[in-house]
C-alpha atoms as a PDB file:
ATOM      1  CA  MET A   1      99.232  49.573 232.408  1.00  0.00           C
ATOM      2  CA  ARG A   2     100.212  51.081 235.763  1.00  0.00           C
ATOM      3  CA  VAL A   3     103.605  52.686 236.289  1.00  0.00           C
ATOM      4  CA  LEU A   4     105.166  53.968 239.496  1.00  0.00           C
ATOM      5  CA  VAL A   5     107.718  56.765 239.011  1.00  0.00           C
ATOM      6  CA  VAL A   6     109.994  57.358 242.022  1.00  0.00           C
ATOM      7  CA  ASP A   7     112.127  60.483 241.558  1.00  0.00           C
ATOM      8  CA  ASP A   8     112.945  63.388 243.859  1.00  0.00           C
ATOM      9  CA  GLU A   9     113.066  65.942 241.030  1.00  0.00           C
ATOM     10  CA  PRO A  10     109.460  67.219 240.885  1.00  0.00           C
ATOM     11  CA  ARG A  11     109.745  68.713 237.388  1.00  0.00           C
ATOM     12  CA  LEU A  12     111.221  65.564 235.899  1.00  0.00           C
ATOM     13  CA  ALA A  13     108.706  63.332 237.667  1.00  0.00           C
ATOM     14  CA  ALA A  14     105.796  65.498 236.494  1.00  0.00           C
ATOM     15  CA  ALA A  15     107.141  65.533 232.928  1.00  0.00           C
ATOM     16  CA  LEU A  16     107.475  61.752 232.978  1.00  0.00           C
ATOM     17  CA  ARG A  17     103.912  61.402 234.226  1.00  0.00           C
ATOM     18  CA  ARG A  18     102.548  63.652 231.479  1.00  0.00           C
ATOM     19  CA  GLY A  19     104.527  61.857 228.795  1.00  0.00           C
ATOM     20  CA  LEU A  20     103.651  58.361 229.990  1.00  0.00           C
ATOM     21  CA  GLN A  21      99.995  59.264 230.392  1.00  0.00           C
ATOM     22  CA  ALA A  22     100.015  60.435 226.775  1.00  0.00           C
ATOM     23  CA  GLU A  23     101.303  56.947 225.882  1.00  0.00           C
ATOM     24  CA  GLY A  24      98.341  55.362 227.673  1.00  0.00           C
ATOM     25  CA  PHE A  25      99.936  54.537 231.041  1.00  0.00           C
ATOM     26  CA  ALA A  26      98.355  55.222 234.423  1.00  0.00           C
ATOM     27  CA  VAL A  27     101.098  56.842 236.517  1.00  0.00           C
ATOM     28  CA  ASP A  28     101.642  57.295 240.268  1.00  0.00           C
ATOM     29  CA  LEU A  29     104.463  59.450 241.662  1.00  0.00           C
ATOM     30  CA  ALA A  30     106.652  59.236 244.747  1.00  0.00           C
ATOM     31  CA  HIS A  31     109.448  61.657 245.630  1.00  0.00           C
ATOM     32  CA  ASP A  32     111.391  59.660 248.244  1.00  0.00           C
ATOM     33  CA  GLY A  33     112.458  56.070 248.698  1.00  0.00           C
ATOM     34  CA  VAL A  34     110.298  55.217 251.714  1.00  0.00           C
ATOM     35  CA  THR A  35     107.097  56.382 249.992  1.00  0.00           C
ATOM     36  CA  GLY A  36     108.147  54.657 246.779  1.00  0.00           C
ATOM     37  CA  LEU A  37     108.708  51.368 248.611  1.00  0.00           C
ATOM     38  CA  GLN A  38     105.337  51.610 250.351  1.00  0.00           C
ATOM     39  CA  LEU A  39     103.524  52.259 247.075  1.00  0.00           C
ATOM     40  CA  ALA A  40     105.420  49.466 245.324  1.00  0.00           C
ATOM     41  CA  ARG A  41     104.389  47.043 248.048  1.00  0.00           C
ATOM     42  CA  GLN A  42     100.746  48.110 248.023  1.00  0.00           C
ATOM     43  CA  GLY A  43     100.106  48.837 244.338  1.00  0.00           C
ATOM     44  CA  ASP A  44      99.680  46.335 241.552  1.00  0.00           C
ATOM     45  CA  TYR A  45     102.189  47.981 239.193  1.00  0.00           C
ATOM     46  CA  ASP A  46     103.301  46.713 235.816  1.00  0.00           C
ATOM     47  CA  LEU A  47     106.527  48.780 235.882  1.00  0.00           C
ATOM     48  CA  ILE A  48     108.592  50.933 238.231  1.00  0.00           C
ATOM     49  CA  VAL A  49     110.846  53.797 237.086  1.00  0.00           C
ATOM     50  CA  LEU A  50     113.223  54.259 240.013  1.00  0.00           C
ATOM     51  CA  ASP A  51     115.826  56.961 240.629  1.00  0.00           C
ATOM     52  CA  ILE A  52     118.895  55.918 242.625  1.00  0.00           C
ATOM     53  CA  MET A  53     119.695  59.085 244.603  1.00  0.00           C
ATOM     54  CA  LEU A  54     116.541  59.443 246.703  1.00  0.00           C
ATOM     55  CA  PRO A  55     115.919  60.987 250.129  1.00  0.00           C
ATOM     56  CA  ARG A  56     115.119  58.710 253.087  1.00  0.00           C
ATOM     57  CA  LEU A  57     115.937  55.472 251.231  1.00  0.00           C
ATOM     58  CA  SER A  58     118.092  55.007 248.137  1.00  0.00           C
ATOM     59  CA  GLY A  59     116.809  53.442 244.952  1.00  0.00           C
ATOM     60  CA  TYR A  60     119.359  50.655 245.458  1.00  0.00           C
ATOM     61  CA  ASN A  61     117.754  49.782 248.799  1.00  0.00           C
ATOM     62  CA  VAL A  62     114.220  50.049 247.408  1.00  0.00           C
ATOM     63  CA  CYS A  63     115.130  47.588 244.652  1.00  0.00           C
ATOM     64  CA  LYS A  64     117.024  45.266 246.998  1.00  0.00           C
ATOM     65  CA  THR A  65     114.107  45.177 249.458  1.00  0.00           C
ATOM     66  CA  LEU A  66     111.510  44.416 246.799  1.00  0.00           C
ATOM     67  CA  ARG A  67     113.587  41.575 245.366  1.00  0.00           C
ATOM     68  CA  ALA A  68     114.236  40.147 248.840  1.00  0.00           C
ATOM     69  CA  GLU A  69     110.446  40.099 249.278  1.00  0.00           C
ATOM     70  CA  ASN A  70     110.105  38.226 245.950  1.00  0.00           C
ATOM     71  CA  ASN A  71     108.440  41.209 244.303  1.00  0.00           C
ATOM     72  CA  TRP A  72     109.592  40.899 240.678  1.00  0.00           C
ATOM     73  CA  VAL A  73     107.834  43.884 239.110  1.00  0.00           C
ATOM     74  CA  PRO A  74     110.104  45.121 236.272  1.00  0.00           C
ATOM     75  CA  ILE A  75     112.310  48.009 237.456  1.00  0.00           C
ATOM     76  CA  LEU A  76     114.083  50.524 235.247  1.00  0.00           C
ATOM     77  CA  MET A  77     116.599  52.601 237.187  1.00  0.00           C
ATOM     78  CA  LEU A  78     117.294  56.242 236.349  1.00  0.00           C
ATOM     79  CA  SER A  79     120.434  57.925 237.594  1.00  0.00           C
ATOM     80  CA  ALA A  80     122.825  60.775 237.008  1.00  0.00           C
ATOM     81  CA  LYS A  81     125.559  58.291 237.970  1.00  0.00           C
ATOM     82  CA  ASP A  82     126.996  56.884 234.736  1.00  0.00           C
ATOM     83  CA  GLY A  83     129.877  54.761 236.030  1.00  0.00           C
ATOM     84  CA  GLU A  84     129.861  51.157 234.879  1.00  0.00           C
ATOM     85  CA  TYR A  85     130.029  49.880 238.459  1.00  0.00           C
ATOM     86  CA  ASP A  86     126.958  51.942 239.374  1.00  0.00           C
ATOM     87  CA  MET A  87     125.110  50.236 236.528  1.00  0.00           C
ATOM     88  CA  ALA A  88     126.429  46.835 237.574  1.00  0.00           C
ATOM     89  CA  ASP A  89     125.353  47.430 241.181  1.00  0.00           C
ATOM     90  CA  GLY A  90     121.818  48.289 240.080  1.00  0.00           C
ATOM     91  CA  LEU A  91     121.563  45.201 237.889  1.00  0.00           C
ATOM     92  CA  ASP A  92     123.122  42.998 240.580  1.00  0.00           C
ATOM     93  CA  LEU A  93     120.467  44.120 243.059  1.00  0.00           C
ATOM     94  CA  GLY A  94     117.694  43.055 240.687  1.00  0.00           C
ATOM     95  CA  ALA A  95     116.956  45.998 238.389  1.00  0.00           C
ATOM     96  CA  ASP A  96     115.918  44.978 234.886  1.00  0.00           C
ATOM     97  CA  ASP A  97     117.324  47.987 233.030  1.00  0.00           C
ATOM     98  CA  TYR A  98     119.267  51.207 233.665  1.00  0.00           C
ATOM     99  CA  LEU A  99     119.275  54.632 232.009  1.00  0.00           C
ATOM    100  CA  THR A 100     121.532  57.565 232.837  1.00  0.00           C
ATOM    101  CA  LYS A 101     120.373  61.179 232.981  1.00  0.00           C
ATOM    102  CA  PRO A 102     119.943  63.054 230.729  1.00  0.00           C
ATOM    103  CA  PHE A 103     118.153  60.443 228.657  1.00  0.00           C
ATOM    104  CA  SER A 104     116.059  60.271 225.531  1.00  0.00           C
ATOM    105  CA  TYR A 105     112.353  60.048 226.335  1.00  0.00           C
ATOM    106  CA  VAL A 106     111.842  57.989 223.163  1.00  0.00           C
ATOM    107  CA  VAL A 107     114.437  55.483 224.381  1.00  0.00           C
ATOM    108  CA  LEU A 108     112.859  55.395 227.850  1.00  0.00           C
ATOM    109  CA  VAL A 109     109.427  54.515 226.449  1.00  0.00           C
ATOM    110  CA  ALA A 110     110.936  51.900 224.128  1.00  0.00           C
ATOM    111  CA  ARG A 111     112.735  50.256 227.033  1.00  0.00           C
ATOM    112  CA  LEU A 112     109.608  50.282 229.185  1.00  0.00           C
ATOM    113  CA  ARG A 113     107.646  48.590 226.416  1.00  0.00           C
ATOM    114  CA  ALA A 114     110.449  46.024 226.057  1.00  0.00           C
ATOM    115  CA  LEU A 115     110.221  45.286 229.788  1.00  0.00           C
ATOM    116  CA  LEU A 116     106.458  44.851 229.474  1.00  0.00           C
ATOM    117  CA  ARG A 117     106.940  42.360 226.636  1.00  0.00           C
ATOM    118  CA  ARG A 118     109.497  40.476 228.725  1.00  0.00           C
ATOM    119  CA  GLY A 119     107.110  40.360 231.650  1.00  0.00           C
ATOM    120  CA  GLY A 120     107.745  40.438 235.374  1.00  0.00           C
ATOM    121  CA  GLY A 121     106.485  37.050 236.423  1.00  0.00           C
ATOM    122  CA  SER A 122     107.780  35.077 239.339  1.00  0.00           C
ATOM    123  CA  ARG A 123     111.500  34.407 239.148  1.00  0.00           C
ATOM    124  CA  PRO A 124     113.352  31.725 241.069  1.00  0.00           C
ATOM    125  CA  ALA A 125     114.801  33.087 244.290  1.00  0.00           C
ATOM    126  CA  VAL A 126     117.986  31.093 243.621  1.00  0.00           C
ATOM    127  CA  LEU A 127     119.347  30.360 240.126  1.00  0.00           C
ATOM    128  CA  ARG A 128     120.960  26.944 239.575  1.00  0.00           C
ATOM    129  CA  ALA A 129     123.146  25.047 237.132  1.00  0.00           C
ATOM    130  CA  GLY A 130     123.962  21.695 238.691  1.00  0.00           C
ATOM    131  CA  ASP A 131     125.706  22.418 241.996  1.00  0.00           C
ATOM    132  CA  LEU A 132     126.378  26.048 240.998  1.00  0.00           C
ATOM    133  CA  THR A 133     123.909  28.445 242.628  1.00  0.00           C
ATOM    134  CA  LEU A 134     123.455  32.206 242.535  1.00  0.00           C
ATOM    135  CA  ASP A 135     121.225  34.071 244.973  1.00  0.00           C
ATOM    136  CA  PRO A 136     120.411  37.529 243.478  1.00  0.00           C
ATOM    137  CA  ALA A 137     118.914  38.914 246.679  1.00  0.00           C
ATOM    138  CA  ARG A 138     121.881  37.962 248.882  1.00  0.00           C
ATOM    139  CA  ARG A 139     124.441  38.437 246.082  1.00  0.00           C
ATOM    140  CA  ARG A 140     125.923  35.059 246.908  1.00  0.00           C
ATOM    141  CA  VAL A 141     127.420  32.395 244.630  1.00  0.00           C
ATOM    142  CA  LEU A 142     128.137  28.815 245.703  1.00  0.00           C
ATOM    143  CA  ARG A 143     129.645  25.816 243.957  1.00  0.00           C
ATOM    144  CA  ALA A 144     129.144  22.556 245.878  1.00  0.00           C
ATOM    145  CA  GLU A 145     128.548  24.617 249.058  1.00  0.00           C
ATOM    146  CA  THR A 146     131.832  26.512 248.544  1.00  0.00           C
ATOM    147  CA  SER A 147     131.382  30.292 248.495  1.00  0.00           C
ATOM    148  CA  ILE A 148     132.792  32.104 245.433  1.00  0.00           C
ATOM    149  CA  ASP A 149     133.669  35.807 245.540  1.00  0.00           C
ATOM    150  CA  LEU A 150     132.791  37.682 242.330  1.00  0.00           C
ATOM    151  CA  THR A 151     133.153  41.314 241.325  1.00  0.00           C
ATOM    152  CA  PRO A 152     129.893  43.158 240.501  1.00  0.00           C
ATOM    153  CA  ARG A 153     130.529  42.756 236.760  1.00  0.00           C
ATOM    154  CA  GLU A 154     131.316  39.042 237.074  1.00  0.00           C
ATOM    155  CA  PHE A 155     128.185  38.565 239.169  1.00  0.00           C
ATOM    156  CA  ALA A 156     126.026  40.376 236.598  1.00  0.00           C
ATOM    157  CA  LEU A 157     127.482  38.276 233.772  1.00  0.00           C
ATOM    158  CA  LEU A 158     126.929  34.997 235.613  1.00  0.00           C
ATOM    159  CA  GLU A 159     123.369  35.967 236.551  1.00  0.00           C
ATOM    160  CA  PHE A 160     122.538  36.843 232.947  1.00  0.00           C
ATOM    161  CA  LEU A 161     123.925  33.532 231.664  1.00  0.00           C
ATOM    162  CA  LEU A 162     122.062  31.599 234.366  1.00  0.00           C
ATOM    163  CA  ARG A 163     118.821  33.258 233.298  1.00  0.00           C
ATOM    164  CA  ARG A 164     119.602  32.016 229.763  1.00  0.00           C
ATOM    165  CA  LEU A 165     120.665  28.567 230.932  1.00  0.00           C
ATOM    166  CA  ASP A 166     121.652  26.180 228.108  1.00  0.00           C
ATOM    167  CA  ASP A 167     121.096  28.912 225.485  1.00  0.00           C
ATOM    168  CA  VAL A 168     123.925  30.041 223.213  1.00  0.00           C
ATOM    169  CA  VAL A 169     124.176  33.779 223.953  1.00  0.00           C
ATOM    170  CA  PRO A 170     126.000  36.043 221.451  1.00  0.00           C
ATOM    171  CA  LYS A 171     128.585  38.576 222.619  1.00  0.00           C
ATOM    172  CA  SER A 172     126.389  41.423 221.337  1.00  0.00           C
ATOM    173  CA  GLU A 173     123.512  40.348 223.568  1.00  0.00           C
ATOM    174  CA  ILE A 174     125.795  40.056 226.592  1.00  0.00           C
ATOM    175  CA  LEU A 175     127.156  43.558 225.937  1.00  0.00           C
ATOM    176  CA  GLU A 176     123.646  44.990 225.689  1.00  0.00           C
ATOM    177  CA  HIS A 177     122.395  43.450 228.932  1.00  0.00           C
ATOM    178  CA  VAL A 178     125.495  43.294 231.142  1.00  0.00           C
ATOM    179  CA  TRP A 179     127.389  46.367 229.905  1.00  0.00           C
ATOM    180  CA  ASP A 180     124.223  48.205 228.729  1.00  0.00           C
ATOM    181  CA  THR A 181     125.946  49.260 225.499  1.00  0.00           C
ATOM    182  CA  TYR A 182     126.988  48.113 222.062  1.00  0.00           C
ATOM    183  CA  ASP A 183     129.971  50.485 221.992  1.00  0.00           C
ATOM    184  CA  THR A 184     132.260  48.602 224.382  1.00  0.00           C
ATOM    185  CA  ASP A 185     134.964  46.470 222.771  1.00  0.00           C
ATOM    186  CA  PRO A 186     133.373  42.993 222.383  1.00  0.00           C
ATOM    187  CA  ASN A 187     136.649  41.437 223.544  1.00  0.00           C
ATOM    188  CA  VAL A 188     135.796  42.546 227.083  1.00  0.00           C
ATOM    189  CA  VAL A 189     133.195  39.760 227.156  1.00  0.00           C
ATOM    190  CA  GLU A 190     135.870  37.162 226.420  1.00  0.00           C
ATOM    191  CA  VAL A 191     138.039  38.620 229.175  1.00  0.00           C
ATOM    192  CA  TYR A 192     135.270  38.415 231.774  1.00  0.00           C
ATOM    193  CA  VAL A 193     134.243  34.934 230.669  1.00  0.00           C
ATOM    194  CA  GLY A 194     137.855  33.958 231.372  1.00  0.00           C
ATOM    195  CA  TYR A 195     137.658  35.542 234.826  1.00  0.00           C
ATOM    196  CA  LEU A 196     134.482  33.603 235.579  1.00  0.00           C
ATOM    197  CA  ARG A 197     135.896  30.281 234.406  1.00  0.00           C
ATOM    198  CA  ARG A 198     138.869  30.684 236.741  1.00  0.00           C
ATOM    199  CA  LYS A 199     136.469  31.127 239.655  1.00  0.00           C
ATOM    200  CA  ILE A 200     133.442  28.896 238.990  1.00  0.00           C
ATOM    201  CA  ASP A 201     134.939  26.082 236.902  1.00  0.00           C
ATOM    202  CA  ALA A 202     138.727  25.610 237.136  1.00  0.00           C
ATOM    203  CA  PRO A 203     139.006  25.104 240.937  1.00  0.00           C
ATOM    204  CA  PHE A 204     136.253  22.467 240.769  1.00  0.00           C
ATOM    205  CA  GLY A 205     137.349  20.599 237.643  1.00  0.00           C
ATOM    206  CA  ARG A 206     134.244  21.714 235.725  1.00  0.00           C
ATOM    207  CA  ASN A 207     133.536  23.020 232.232  1.00  0.00           C
ATOM    208  CA  SER A 208     130.108  24.591 232.626  1.00  0.00           C
ATOM    209  CA  LEU A 209     130.883  27.907 230.902  1.00  0.00           C
ATOM    210  CA  GLN A 210     131.450  26.924 227.282  1.00  0.00           C
ATOM    211  CA  THR A 211     132.519  28.811 224.158  1.00  0.00           C
ATOM    212  CA  VAL A 212     130.480  28.061 221.035  1.00  0.00           C
ATOM    213  CA  ARG A 213     132.772  29.154 218.213  1.00  0.00           C
ATOM    214  CA  GLY A 214     131.309  31.859 216.014  1.00  0.00           C
ATOM    215  CA  ALA A 215     128.119  32.010 218.074  1.00  0.00           C
ATOM    216  CA  GLY A 216     128.782  33.035 221.664  1.00  0.00           C
ATOM    217  CA  TYR A 217     128.772  31.412 225.104  1.00  0.00           C
ATOM    218  CA  ARG A 218     126.669  28.774 226.810  1.00  0.00           C
ATOM    219  CA  LEU A 219     126.270  27.960 230.499  1.00  0.00           C
ATOM    220  CA  ALA A 220     125.451  24.260 230.809  1.00  0.00           C
ATOM    221  CA  GLY A 221     122.413  23.418 232.882  1.00  0.00           C
ATOM    222  CA  ASP A 222     124.002  20.284 234.304  1.00  0.00           C
ATOM    223  CA  GLY A 223     126.792  22.389 235.811  1.00  0.00           C
ATOM    224  CA  GLY A 224     129.472  20.912 233.535  1.00  0.00           C
END
């Protein structure tokens, strides 16, 4: 398995390479965003570990560019920025996971292995549920050709539910993937589901975002 680590802290990058090599990974390093993007485009990587605050080109822009080019290699972002909107921005731009520094190396490896199990195959450029569409690369949502403005957190929640279309998704799973934690009050999911309904369903007379009592939430594939 080949991993690209893009981080401008030489000691951390070298430590990650040694640790990942000990786990059986082949590791390449880049210390700025432009070099990281070039390697990501040229190399056949199974995973990318990508810092956000990089010289020459930010990790956000590296991720955004790769996704716009339909390169869906799994990306785990590393950052000293621990604000929830920073996490949401990274996920909105197409990252698959996000860890804040300092982090547990054991957790990092576990998350990388989870991303490998999930796979990084081709994803649809535009996600659809009936006449509701979400374009991850352009961060655009439309319902029947009408543009819908969403906050970063609302966008991340809708994207996650679209990727699980027609599945009943528990609150705990939504918290883990959209809020990246189990510690947040689960009621926040209900609040944001309400926000989404008022934007993607109510103005259009739809009921696509459904509550399944005692189980979670379901986004209907027919658009409601």
